[in-house]
Amino acid sequence: QVQLVESGGGLVQPGGSLRLSCAASGSDLRINAMVWYRQAPGKQRELVAVITGSGTTNYATSVKGRFAIVRDIAKNTVYLQMNSLKPEDTTVYYCECKGYWGQGTQVTVSS
């Protein structure tokens, strides 16, 4: 069974940065992809970024050039580095791997 534990959300001013973490147990990140999603209340879930087992990354158009998904194989952890944050980035962020989900972490971008 895969367990995902997220951390790193919070309140930040527009233009600021945050780094989200997703620590995985029961899944080898060298084999399985990890995906970050976000979903605001009443809105459709949006894929934010993905990193495959081979390390290939892909991003939503809305975050390309601002966000980076990276992984630490030794720690079996994936990070979402979020820079130049905008108010519209405000929502709950989730990591997902093999159909298992983290608990979600709230990101709020506001002055």
PDB file of N, CA and C in Angstrom:
ATOM      1  N   GLN A   1       0.847  -1.190   0.000  1.00  0.00           N
ATOM      2  CA  GLN A   1       0.000   0.000   0.000  1.00  0.00           C
ATOM      3  C   GLN A   1       0.883   1.241   0.000  1.00  0.00           C
ATOM      4  N   VAL A   2       0.456   2.212  -0.770  1.00  0.00           N
ATOM      5  CA  VAL A   2       1.194   3.453  -0.873  1.00  0.00           C
ATOM      6  C   VAL A   2       0.635   4.471   0.103  1.00  0.00           C
ATOM      7  N   GLN A   3       1.530   5.155   0.795  1.00  0.00           N
ATOM      8  CA  GLN A   3       1.117   6.254   1.666  1.00  0.00           C
ATOM      9  C   GLN A   3       1.862   7.503   1.250  1.00  0.00           C
ATOM     10  N   LEU A   4       1.119   8.590   1.154  1.00  0.00           N
ATOM     11  CA  LEU A   4       1.680   9.865   0.727  1.00  0.00           C
ATOM     12  C   LEU A   4       1.395  10.905   1.794  1.00  0.00           C
ATOM     13  N   VAL A   5       2.417  11.589   2.232  1.00  0.00           N
ATOM     14  CA  VAL A   5       2.270  12.612   3.259  1.00  0.00           C
ATOM     15  C   VAL A   5       2.767  13.928   2.696  1.00  0.00           C
ATOM     16  N   GLU A   6       1.881  14.897   2.647  1.00  0.00           N
ATOM     17  CA  GLU A   6       2.202  16.195   2.077  1.00  0.00           C
ATOM     18  C   GLU A   6       2.511  17.208   3.175  1.00  0.00           C
ATOM     19  N   SER A   7       3.295  18.185   2.798  1.00  0.00           N
ATOM     20  CA  SER A   7       3.578  19.295   3.706  1.00  0.00           C
ATOM     21  C   SER A   7       4.030  20.492   2.884  1.00  0.00           C
ATOM     22  N   GLY A   8       4.079  21.649   3.536  1.00  0.00           N
ATOM     23  CA  GLY A   8       4.668  22.815   2.897  1.00  0.00           C
ATOM     24  C   GLY A   8       3.711  23.893   2.452  1.00  0.00           C
ATOM     25  N   GLY A   9       2.418  23.685   2.592  1.00  0.00           N
ATOM     26  CA  GLY A   9       1.485  24.723   2.195  1.00  0.00           C
ATOM     27  C   GLY A   9       1.511  25.890   3.169  1.00  0.00           C
ATOM     28  N   GLY A  10       0.759  26.920   2.828  1.00  0.00           N
ATOM     29  CA  GLY A  10       0.693  28.072   3.713  1.00  0.00           C
ATOM     30  C   GLY A  10       0.219  29.304   2.994  1.00  0.00           C
ATOM     31  N   LEU A  11       0.435  30.427   3.656  1.00  0.00           N
ATOM     32  CA  LEU A  11       0.027  31.727   3.135  1.00  0.00           C
ATOM     33  C   LEU A  11       1.260  32.464   2.616  1.00  0.00           C
ATOM     34  N   VAL A  12       1.152  32.998   1.430  1.00  0.00           N
ATOM     35  CA  VAL A  12       2.274  33.722   0.829  1.00  0.00           C
ATOM     36  C   VAL A  12       1.718  34.902   0.041  1.00  0.00           C
ATOM     37  N   GLN A  13       2.507  35.947  -0.059  1.00  0.00           N
ATOM     38  CA  GLN A  13       2.090  37.110  -0.832  1.00  0.00           C
ATOM     39  C   GLN A  13       2.264  36.851  -2.331  1.00  0.00           C
ATOM     40  N   PRO A  14       1.499  37.544  -3.149  1.00  0.00           N
ATOM     41  CA  PRO A  14       1.706  37.412  -4.602  1.00  0.00           C
ATOM     42  C   PRO A  14       3.157  37.687  -4.978  1.00  0.00           C
ATOM     43  N   GLY A  15       3.669  36.841  -5.873  1.00  0.00           N
ATOM     44  CA  GLY A  15       5.071  36.942  -6.256  1.00  0.00           C
ATOM     45  C   GLY A  15       6.005  36.118  -5.402  1.00  0.00           C
ATOM     46  N   GLY A  16       5.489  35.575  -4.328  1.00  0.00           N
ATOM     47  CA  GLY A  16       6.311  34.791  -3.422  1.00  0.00           C
ATOM     48  C   GLY A  16       6.464  33.352  -3.872  1.00  0.00           C
ATOM     49  N   SER A  17       7.112  32.564  -3.006  1.00  0.00           N
ATOM     50  CA  SER A  17       7.411  31.168  -3.327  1.00  0.00           C
ATOM     51  C   SER A  17       7.016  30.252  -2.179  1.00  0.00           C
ATOM     52  N   LEU A  18       6.709  29.041  -2.529  1.00  0.00           N
ATOM     53  CA  LEU A  18       6.463  27.967  -1.561  1.00  0.00           C
ATOM     54  C   LEU A  18       6.996  26.676  -2.157  1.00  0.00           C
ATOM     55  N   ARG A  19       7.367  25.763  -1.285  1.00  0.00           N
ATOM     56  CA  ARG A  19       7.757  24.439  -1.747  1.00  0.00           C
ATOM     57  C   ARG A  19       6.908  23.402  -1.035  1.00  0.00           C
ATOM     58  N   LEU A  20       6.175  22.633  -1.816  1.00  0.00           N
ATOM     59  CA  LEU A  20       5.383  21.539  -1.278  1.00  0.00           C
ATOM     60  C   LEU A  20       6.194  20.255  -1.337  1.00  0.00           C
ATOM     61  N   SER A  21       5.981  19.401  -0.349  1.00  0.00           N
ATOM     62  CA  SER A  21       6.651  18.108  -0.302  1.00  0.00           C
ATOM     63  C   SER A  21       5.619  16.994  -0.273  1.00  0.00           C
ATOM     64  N   CYS A  22       5.968  15.887  -0.884  1.00  0.00           N
ATOM     65  CA  CYS A  22       5.126  14.690  -0.847  1.00  0.00           C
ATOM     66  C   CYS A  22       6.048  13.504  -0.598  1.00  0.00           C
ATOM     67  N   ALA A  23       6.020  13.007   0.615  1.00  0.00           N
ATOM     68  CA  ALA A  23       6.855  11.868   0.993  1.00  0.00           C
ATOM     69  C   ALA A  23       6.080  10.581   0.755  1.00  0.00           C
ATOM     70  N   ALA A  24       6.674   9.686  -0.008  1.00  0.00           N
ATOM     71  CA  ALA A  24       5.995   8.452  -0.392  1.00  0.00           C
ATOM     72  C   ALA A  24       6.602   7.255   0.312  1.00  0.00           C
ATOM     73  N   SER A  25       5.740   6.358   0.762  1.00  0.00           N
ATOM     74  CA  SER A  25       6.174   5.055   1.249  1.00  0.00           C
ATOM     75  C   SER A  25       5.364   4.003   0.507  1.00  0.00           C
ATOM     76  N   GLY A  26       6.018   2.872   0.231  1.00  0.00           N
ATOM     77  CA  GLY A  26       5.341   1.806  -0.485  1.00  0.00           C
ATOM     78  C   GLY A  26       5.332   1.969  -1.985  1.00  0.00           C
ATOM     79  N   SER A  27       6.096   2.947  -2.483  1.00  0.00           N
ATOM     80  CA  SER A  27       6.167   3.160  -3.918  1.00  0.00           C
ATOM     81  C   SER A  27       7.573   3.586  -4.292  1.00  0.00           C
ATOM     82  N   ASP A  28       8.107   2.992  -5.310  1.00  0.00           N
ATOM     83  CA  ASP A  28       9.447   3.331  -5.784  1.00  0.00           C
ATOM     84  C   ASP A  28       9.308   4.405  -6.864  1.00  0.00           C
ATOM     85  N   LEU A  29       9.813   5.600  -6.555  1.00  0.00           N
ATOM     86  CA  LEU A  29       9.671   6.715  -7.484  1.00  0.00           C
ATOM     87  C   LEU A  29      10.530   6.535  -8.729  1.00  0.00           C
ATOM     88  N   ARG A  30      11.428   5.573  -8.722  1.00  0.00           N
ATOM     89  CA  ARG A  30      12.199   5.289  -9.937  1.00  0.00           C
ATOM     90  C   ARG A  30      11.354   4.522 -10.940  1.00  0.00           C
ATOM     91  N   ILE A  31      10.228   4.015 -10.483  1.00  0.00           N
ATOM     92  CA  ILE A  31       9.344   3.226 -11.343  1.00  0.00           C
ATOM     93  C   ILE A  31       8.018   3.943 -11.585  1.00  0.00           C
ATOM     94  N   ASN A  32       7.477   4.533 -10.537  1.00  0.00           N
ATOM     95  CA  ASN A  32       6.124   5.094 -10.600  1.00  0.00           C
ATOM     96  C   ASN A  32       6.135   6.609 -10.706  1.00  0.00           C
ATOM     97  N   ALA A  33       5.213   7.104 -11.488  1.00  0.00           N
ATOM     98  CA  ALA A  33       5.065   8.546 -11.637  1.00  0.00           C
ATOM     99  C   ALA A  33       4.405   9.142 -10.403  1.00  0.00           C
ATOM    100  N   MET A  34       4.717  10.397 -10.155  1.00  0.00           N
ATOM    101  CA  MET A  34       4.070  11.169  -9.108  1.00  0.00           C
ATOM    102  C   MET A  34       3.455  12.401  -9.758  1.00  0.00           C
ATOM    103  N   VAL A  35       2.250  12.695  -9.347  1.00  0.00           N
ATOM    104  CA  VAL A  35       1.520  13.800  -9.954  1.00  0.00           C
ATOM    105  C   VAL A  35       1.043  14.765  -8.877  1.00  0.00           C
ATOM    106  N   TRP A  36       1.161  16.036  -9.141  1.00  0.00           N
ATOM    107  CA  TRP A  36       0.547  17.071  -8.302  1.00  0.00           C
ATOM    108  C   TRP A  36      -0.703  17.583  -9.008  1.00  0.00           C
ATOM    109  N   TYR A  37      -1.792  17.601  -8.239  1.00  0.00           N
ATOM    110  CA  TYR A  37      -3.042  18.174  -8.715  1.00  0.00           C
ATOM    111  C   TYR A  37      -3.428  19.327  -7.786  1.00  0.00           C
ATOM    112  N   ARG A  38      -4.373  20.100  -8.237  1.00  0.00           N
ATOM    113  CA  ARG A  38      -5.002  21.084  -7.371  1.00  0.00           C
ATOM    114  C   ARG A  38      -6.480  21.145  -7.701  1.00  0.00           C
ATOM    115  N   GLN A  39      -7.247  21.476  -6.699  1.00  0.00           N
ATOM    116  CA  GLN A  39      -8.693  21.542  -6.892  1.00  0.00           C
ATOM    117  C   GLN A  39      -9.287  22.558  -5.941  1.00  0.00           C
ATOM    118  N   ALA A  40      -9.925  23.542  -6.499  1.00  0.00           N
ATOM    119  CA  ALA A  40     -10.633  24.535  -5.708  1.00  0.00           C
ATOM    120  C   ALA A  40     -12.079  24.076  -5.535  1.00  0.00           C
ATOM    121  N   PRO A  41     -12.727  24.517  -4.463  1.00  0.00           N
ATOM    122  CA  PRO A  41     -14.120  24.112  -4.226  1.00  0.00           C
ATOM    123  C   PRO A  41     -15.010  24.455  -5.416  1.00  0.00           C
ATOM    124  N   GLY A  42     -15.761  23.468  -5.873  1.00  0.00           N
ATOM    125  CA  GLY A  42     -16.692  23.687  -6.965  1.00  0.00           C
ATOM    126  C   GLY A  42     -16.063  23.725  -8.337  1.00  0.00           C
ATOM    127  N   LYS A  43     -14.754  23.489  -8.395  1.00  0.00           N
ATOM    128  CA  LYS A  43     -14.060  23.520  -9.686  1.00  0.00           C
ATOM    129  C   LYS A  43     -13.495  22.151 -10.018  1.00  0.00           C
ATOM    130  N   GLN A  44     -13.195  21.971 -11.288  1.00  0.00           N
ATOM    131  CA  GLN A  44     -12.629  20.707 -11.747  1.00  0.00           C
ATOM    132  C   GLN A  44     -11.196  20.560 -11.270  1.00  0.00           C
ATOM    133  N   ARG A  45     -10.824  19.340 -10.968  1.00  0.00           N
ATOM    134  CA  ARG A  45      -9.449  19.063 -10.566  1.00  0.00           C
ATOM    135  C   ARG A  45      -8.516  19.331 -11.739  1.00  0.00           C
ATOM    136  N   GLU A  46      -7.388  19.932 -11.453  1.00  0.00           N
ATOM    137  CA  GLU A  46      -6.420  20.311 -12.484  1.00  0.00           C
ATOM    138  C   GLU A  46      -5.086  19.627 -12.232  1.00  0.00           C
ATOM    139  N   LEU A  47      -4.561  18.990 -13.265  1.00  0.00           N
ATOM    140  CA  LEU A  47      -3.216  18.439 -13.164  1.00  0.00           C
ATOM    141  C   LEU A  47      -2.234  19.599 -13.227  1.00  0.00           C
ATOM    142  N   VAL A  48      -1.349  19.668 -12.249  1.00  0.00           N
ATOM    143  CA  VAL A  48      -0.390  20.764 -12.168  1.00  0.00           C
ATOM    144  C   VAL A  48       0.952  20.354 -12.753  1.00  0.00           C
ATOM    145  N   ALA A  49       1.458  19.222 -12.297  1.00  0.00           N
ATOM    146  CA  ALA A  49       2.781  18.778 -12.752  1.00  0.00           C
ATOM    147  C   ALA A  49       2.909  17.285 -12.529  1.00  0.00           C
ATOM    148  N   VAL A  50       3.715  16.654 -13.348  1.00  0.00           N
ATOM    149  CA  VAL A  50       3.953  15.220 -13.226  1.00  0.00           C
ATOM    150  C   VAL A  50       5.433  14.938 -13.457  1.00  0.00           C
ATOM    151  N   ILE A  51       5.941  13.966 -12.728  1.00  0.00           N
ATOM    152  CA  ILE A  51       7.293  13.468 -12.962  1.00  0.00           C
ATOM    153  C   ILE A  51       7.190  11.956 -13.077  1.00  0.00           C
ATOM    154  N   THR A  52       7.690  11.427 -14.176  1.00  0.00           N
ATOM    155  CA  THR A  52       7.597   9.995 -14.412  1.00  0.00           C
ATOM    156  C   THR A  52       8.722   9.245 -13.698  1.00  0.00           C
ATOM    157  N   GLY A  53       8.650   7.931 -13.751  1.00  0.00           N
ATOM    158  CA  GLY A  53       9.699   7.126 -13.146  1.00  0.00           C
ATOM    159  C   GLY A  53      11.076   7.393 -13.750  1.00  0.00           C
ATOM    160  N   SER A  54      11.087   7.744 -15.008  1.00  0.00           N
ATOM    161  CA  SER A  54      12.355   8.034 -15.681  1.00  0.00           C
ATOM    162  C   SER A  54      12.813   9.468 -15.460  1.00  0.00           C
ATOM    163  N   GLY A  55      11.986  10.263 -14.793  1.00  0.00           N
ATOM    164  CA  GLY A  55      12.366  11.638 -14.489  1.00  0.00           C
ATOM    165  C   GLY A  55      11.849  12.678 -15.459  1.00  0.00           C
ATOM    166  N   THR A  56      11.077  12.258 -16.423  1.00  0.00           N
ATOM    167  CA  THR A  56      10.475  13.214 -17.361  1.00  0.00           C
ATOM    168  C   THR A  56       9.411  14.033 -16.653  1.00  0.00           C
ATOM    169  N   THR A  57       9.397  15.316 -16.925  1.00  0.00           N
ATOM    170  CA  THR A  57       8.428  16.200 -16.277  1.00  0.00           C
ATOM    171  C   THR A  57       7.498  16.842 -17.306  1.00  0.00           C
ATOM    172  N   ASN A  58       6.326  17.213 -16.804  1.00  0.00           N
ATOM    173  CA  ASN A  58       5.368  17.921 -17.649  1.00  0.00           C
ATOM    174  C   ASN A  58       4.531  18.813 -16.745  1.00  0.00           C
ATOM    175  N   TYR A  59       4.066  19.932 -17.315  1.00  0.00           N
ATOM    176  CA  TYR A  59       3.380  20.933 -16.519  1.00  0.00           C
ATOM    177  C   TYR A  59       2.122  21.439 -17.207  1.00  0.00           C
ATOM    178  N   ALA A  60       1.184  21.882 -16.375  1.00  0.00           N
ATOM    179  CA  ALA A  60       0.043  22.597 -16.905  1.00  0.00           C
ATOM    180  C   ALA A  60       0.534  23.919 -17.492  1.00  0.00           C
ATOM    181  N   THR A  61      -0.145  24.362 -18.522  1.00  0.00           N
ATOM    182  CA  THR A  61       0.244  25.615 -19.159  1.00  0.00           C
ATOM    183  C   THR A  61       0.224  26.764 -18.164  1.00  0.00           C
ATOM    184  N   SER A  62      -0.716  26.723 -17.245  1.00  0.00           N
ATOM    185  CA  SER A  62      -0.902  27.816 -16.293  1.00  0.00           C
ATOM    186  C   SER A  62       0.263  27.971 -15.320  1.00  0.00           C
ATOM    187  N   VAL A  63       1.086  26.936 -15.168  1.00  0.00           N
ATOM    188  CA  VAL A  63       2.183  27.011 -14.197  1.00  0.00           C
ATOM    189  C   VAL A  63       3.550  26.869 -14.849  1.00  0.00           C
ATOM    190  N   LYS A  64       3.584  26.592 -16.132  1.00  0.00           N
ATOM    191  CA  LYS A  64       4.856  26.367 -16.823  1.00  0.00           C
ATOM    192  C   LYS A  64       5.742  27.600 -16.703  1.00  0.00           C
ATOM    193  N   GLY A  65       6.982  27.388 -16.330  1.00  0.00           N
ATOM    194  CA  GLY A  65       7.917  28.485 -16.145  1.00  0.00           C
ATOM    195  C   GLY A  65       7.914  29.059 -14.740  1.00  0.00           C
ATOM    196  N   ARG A  66       6.923  28.702 -13.950  1.00  0.00           N
ATOM    197  CA  ARG A  66       6.842  29.197 -12.554  1.00  0.00           C
ATOM    198  C   ARG A  66       7.024  28.080 -11.547  1.00  0.00           C
ATOM    199  N   PHE A  67       6.523  26.893 -11.864  1.00  0.00           N
ATOM    200  CA  PHE A  67       6.584  25.752 -10.956  1.00  0.00           C
ATOM    201  C   PHE A  67       7.604  24.742 -11.475  1.00  0.00           C
ATOM    202  N   ALA A  68       8.186  24.001 -10.541  1.00  0.00           N
ATOM    203  CA  ALA A  68       9.100  22.928 -10.919  1.00  0.00           C
ATOM    204  C   ALA A  68       8.841  21.716 -10.029  1.00  0.00           C
ATOM    205  N   ILE A  69       8.738  20.560 -10.653  1.00  0.00           N
ATOM    206  CA  ILE A  69       8.578  19.315  -9.900  1.00  0.00           C
ATOM    207  C   ILE A  69       9.917  18.597  -9.930  1.00  0.00           C
ATOM    208  N   VAL A  70      10.394  18.268  -8.744  1.00  0.00           N
ATOM    209  CA  VAL A  70      11.680  17.588  -8.614  1.00  0.00           C
ATOM    210  C   VAL A  70      11.524  16.465  -7.602  1.00  0.00           C
ATOM    211  N   ARG A  71      12.461  15.532  -7.623  1.00  0.00           N
ATOM    212  CA  ARG A  71      12.369  14.424  -6.691  1.00  0.00           C
ATOM    213  C   ARG A  71      13.722  14.138  -6.067  1.00  0.00           C
ATOM    214  N   ASP A  72      13.638  13.580  -4.873  1.00  0.00           N
ATOM    215  CA  ASP A  72      14.819  13.105  -4.158  1.00  0.00           C
ATOM    216  C   ASP A  72      14.623  11.610  -3.984  1.00  0.00           C
ATOM    217  N   ILE A  73      15.310  10.837  -4.800  1.00  0.00           N
ATOM    218  CA  ILE A  73      15.125   9.392  -4.778  1.00  0.00           C
ATOM    219  C   ILE A  73      15.524   8.813  -3.422  1.00  0.00           C
ATOM    220  N   ALA A  74      16.587   9.333  -2.851  1.00  0.00           N
ATOM    221  CA  ALA A  74      17.068   8.813  -1.563  1.00  0.00           C
ATOM    222  C   ALA A  74      16.015   8.983  -0.475  1.00  0.00           C
ATOM    223  N   LYS A  75      15.271  10.081  -0.550  1.00  0.00           N
ATOM    224  CA  LYS A  75      14.231  10.339   0.445  1.00  0.00           C
ATOM    225  C   LYS A  75      12.852   9.862  -0.022  1.00  0.00           C
ATOM    226  N   ASN A  76      12.777   9.368  -1.260  1.00  0.00           N
ATOM    227  CA  ASN A  76      11.496   8.955  -1.844  1.00  0.00           C
ATOM    228  C   ASN A  76      10.448  10.056  -1.710  1.00  0.00           C
ATOM    229  N   THR A  77      10.874  11.247  -2.028  1.00  0.00           N
ATOM    230  CA  THR A  77      10.042  12.425  -1.856  1.00  0.00           C
ATOM    231  C   THR A  77      10.034  13.244  -3.141  1.00  0.00           C
ATOM    232  N   VAL A  78       8.882  13.778  -3.450  1.00  0.00           N
ATOM    233  CA  VAL A  78       8.737  14.666  -4.602  1.00  0.00           C
ATOM    234  C   VAL A  78       8.358  16.052  -4.091  1.00  0.00           C
ATOM    235  N   TYR A  79       8.936  17.050  -4.717  1.00  0.00           N
ATOM    236  CA  TYR A  79       8.701  18.433  -4.320  1.00  0.00           C
ATOM    237  C   TYR A  79       8.049  19.200  -5.472  1.00  0.00           C
ATOM    238  N   LEU A  80       7.239  20.164  -5.083  1.00  0.00           N
ATOM    239  CA  LEU A  80       6.701  21.113  -6.064  1.00  0.00           C
ATOM    240  C   LEU A  80       7.170  22.499  -5.638  1.00  0.00           C
ATOM    241  N   GLN A  81       8.153  23.006  -6.351  1.00  0.00           N
ATOM    242  CA  GLN A  81       8.660  24.342  -6.082  1.00  0.00           C
ATOM    243  C   GLN A  81       7.797  25.329  -6.853  1.00  0.00           C
ATOM    244  N   MET A  82       7.168  26.216  -6.124  1.00  0.00           N
ATOM    245  CA  MET A  82       6.237  27.171  -6.734  1.00  0.00           C
ATOM    246  C   MET A  82       6.783  28.579  -6.571  1.00  0.00           C
ATOM    247  N   ASN A  83       7.080  29.210  -7.669  1.00  0.00           N
ATOM    248  CA  ASN A  83       7.604  30.570  -7.665  1.00  0.00           C
ATOM    249  C   ASN A  83       6.622  31.517  -8.360  1.00  0.00           C
ATOM    250  N   SER A  84       6.824  32.795  -8.148  1.00  0.00           N
ATOM    251  CA  SER A  84       5.973  33.820  -8.784  1.00  0.00           C
ATOM    252  C   SER A  84       4.497  33.492  -8.605  1.00  0.00           C
ATOM    253  N   LEU A  85       4.147  33.186  -7.381  1.00  0.00           N
ATOM    254  CA  LEU A  85       2.776  32.761  -7.107  1.00  0.00           C
ATOM    255  C   LEU A  85       1.777  33.883  -7.338  1.00  0.00           C
ATOM    256  N   LYS A  86       0.597  33.476  -7.788  1.00  0.00           N
ATOM    257  CA  LYS A  86      -0.483  34.396  -8.108  1.00  0.00           C
ATOM    258  C   LYS A  86      -1.701  34.051  -7.249  1.00  0.00           C
ATOM    259  N   PRO A  87      -2.584  35.005  -7.031  1.00  0.00           N
ATOM    260  CA  PRO A  87      -3.799  34.692  -6.254  1.00  0.00           C
ATOM    261  C   PRO A  87      -4.591  33.519  -6.838  1.00  0.00           C
ATOM    262  N   GLU A  88      -4.559  33.378  -8.145  1.00  0.00           N
ATOM    263  CA  GLU A  88      -5.306  32.280  -8.760  1.00  0.00           C
ATOM    264  C   GLU A  88      -4.672  30.916  -8.522  1.00  0.00           C
ATOM    265  N   ASP A  89      -3.504  30.875  -7.910  1.00  0.00           N
ATOM    266  CA  ASP A  89      -2.894  29.603  -7.512  1.00  0.00           C
ATOM    267  C   ASP A  89      -3.454  29.120  -6.173  1.00  0.00           C
ATOM    268  N   THR A  90      -4.265  29.933  -5.548  1.00  0.00           N
ATOM    269  CA  THR A  90      -4.838  29.578  -4.252  1.00  0.00           C
ATOM    270  C   THR A  90      -5.791  28.408  -4.387  1.00  0.00           C
ATOM    271  N   THR A  91      -5.522  27.344  -3.684  1.00  0.00           N
ATOM    272  CA  THR A  91      -6.376  26.182  -3.613  1.00  0.00           C
ATOM    273  C   THR A  91      -5.683  25.093  -2.812  1.00  0.00           C
ATOM    274  N   VAL A  92      -6.298  23.914  -2.768  1.00  0.00           N
ATOM    275  CA  VAL A  92      -5.682  22.768  -2.114  1.00  0.00           C
ATOM    276  C   VAL A  92      -4.911  21.949  -3.154  1.00  0.00           C
ATOM    277  N   TYR A  93      -3.699  21.571  -2.794  1.00  0.00           N
ATOM    278  CA  TYR A  93      -2.833  20.803  -3.675  1.00  0.00           C
ATOM    279  C   TYR A  93      -2.708  19.371  -3.147  1.00  0.00           C
ATOM    280  N   TYR A  94      -2.774  18.421  -4.071  1.00  0.00           N
ATOM    281  CA  TYR A  94      -2.705  17.011  -3.717  1.00  0.00           C
ATOM    282  C   TYR A  94      -1.614  16.327  -4.544  1.00  0.00           C
ATOM    283  N   CYS A  95      -0.932  15.369  -3.937  1.00  0.00           N
ATOM    284  CA  CYS A  95      -0.058  14.507  -4.717  1.00  0.00           C
ATOM    285  C   CYS A  95      -0.741  13.151  -4.876  1.00  0.00           C
ATOM    286  N   GLU A  96      -0.426  12.505  -5.971  1.00  0.00           N
ATOM    287  CA  GLU A  96      -1.047  11.228  -6.310  1.00  0.00           C
ATOM    288  C   GLU A  96      -0.015  10.307  -6.926  1.00  0.00           C
ATOM    289  N   CYS A  97      -0.079   9.037  -6.527  1.00  0.00           N
ATOM    290  CA  CYS A  97       0.822   8.028  -7.063  1.00  0.00           C
ATOM    291  C   CYS A  97       0.095   6.689  -7.065  1.00  0.00           C
ATOM    292  N   LYS A  98       0.008   6.083  -8.197  1.00  0.00           N
ATOM    293  CA  LYS A  98      -0.612   4.758  -8.354  1.00  0.00           C
ATOM    294  C   LYS A  98      -2.032   4.729  -7.820  1.00  0.00           C
ATOM    295  N   GLY A  99      -2.738   5.828  -7.914  1.00  0.00           N
ATOM    296  CA  GLY A  99      -4.115   5.866  -7.461  1.00  0.00           C
ATOM    297  C   GLY A  99      -4.284   6.198  -5.990  1.00  0.00           C
ATOM    298  N   TYR A 100      -3.168   6.370  -5.314  1.00  0.00           N
ATOM    299  CA  TYR A 100      -3.214   6.777  -3.908  1.00  0.00           C
ATOM    300  C   TYR A 100      -2.990   8.290  -3.825  1.00  0.00           C
ATOM    301  N   TRP A 101      -3.640   8.904  -2.824  1.00  0.00           N
ATOM    302  CA  TRP A 101      -3.627  10.355  -2.706  1.00  0.00           C
ATOM    303  C   TRP A 101      -3.110  10.807  -1.350  1.00  0.00           C
ATOM    304  N   GLY A 102      -2.431  11.944  -1.390  1.00  0.00           N
ATOM    305  CA  GLY A 102      -2.088  12.588  -0.145  1.00  0.00           C
ATOM    306  C   GLY A 102      -3.308  13.267   0.454  1.00  0.00           C
ATOM    307  N   GLN A 103      -3.105  13.832   1.633  1.00  0.00           N
ATOM    308  CA  GLN A 103      -4.228  14.435   2.367  1.00  0.00           C
ATOM    309  C   GLN A 103      -4.563  15.832   1.869  1.00  0.00           C
ATOM    310  N   GLY A 104      -3.696  16.400   1.064  1.00  0.00           N
ATOM    311  CA  GLY A 104      -3.916  17.749   0.561  1.00  0.00           C
ATOM    312  C   GLY A 104      -3.263  18.777   1.456  1.00  0.00           C
ATOM    313  N   THR A 105      -2.804  19.837   0.834  1.00  0.00           N
ATOM    314  CA  THR A 105      -2.219  20.948   1.585  1.00  0.00           C
ATOM    315  C   THR A 105      -2.702  22.257   0.966  1.00  0.00           C
ATOM    316  N   GLN A 106      -3.110  23.171   1.831  1.00  0.00           N
ATOM    317  CA  GLN A 106      -3.706  24.427   1.381  1.00  0.00           C
ATOM    318  C   GLN A 106      -2.606  25.432   1.027  1.00  0.00           C
ATOM    319  N   VAL A 107      -2.756  26.028  -0.133  1.00  0.00           N
ATOM    320  CA  VAL A 107      -1.894  27.131  -0.552  1.00  0.00           C
ATOM    321  C   VAL A 107      -2.776  28.358  -0.741  1.00  0.00           C
ATOM    322  N   THR A 108      -2.417  29.426  -0.060  1.00  0.00           N
ATOM    323  CA  THR A 108      -3.160  30.676  -0.163  1.00  0.00           C
ATOM    324  C   THR A 108      -2.213  31.794  -0.578  1.00  0.00           C
ATOM    325  N   VAL A 109      -2.531  32.437  -1.686  1.00  0.00           N
ATOM    326  CA  VAL A 109      -1.717  33.540  -2.191  1.00  0.00           C
ATOM    327  C   VAL A 109      -2.543  34.816  -2.067  1.00  0.00           C
ATOM    328  N   SER A 110      -2.126  35.657  -1.148  1.00  0.00           N
ATOM    329  CA  SER A 110      -2.911  36.855  -0.865  1.00  0.00           C
ATOM    330  C   SER A 110      -2.039  37.907  -0.207  1.00  0.00           C
ATOM    331  N   SER A 111      -2.360  39.151  -0.484  1.00  0.00           N
ATOM    332  CA  SER A 111      -1.643  40.248   0.163  1.00  0.00           C
ATOM    333  C   SER A 111      -2.382  40.703   1.415  1.00  0.00           C
TER     334      SER A 111
END
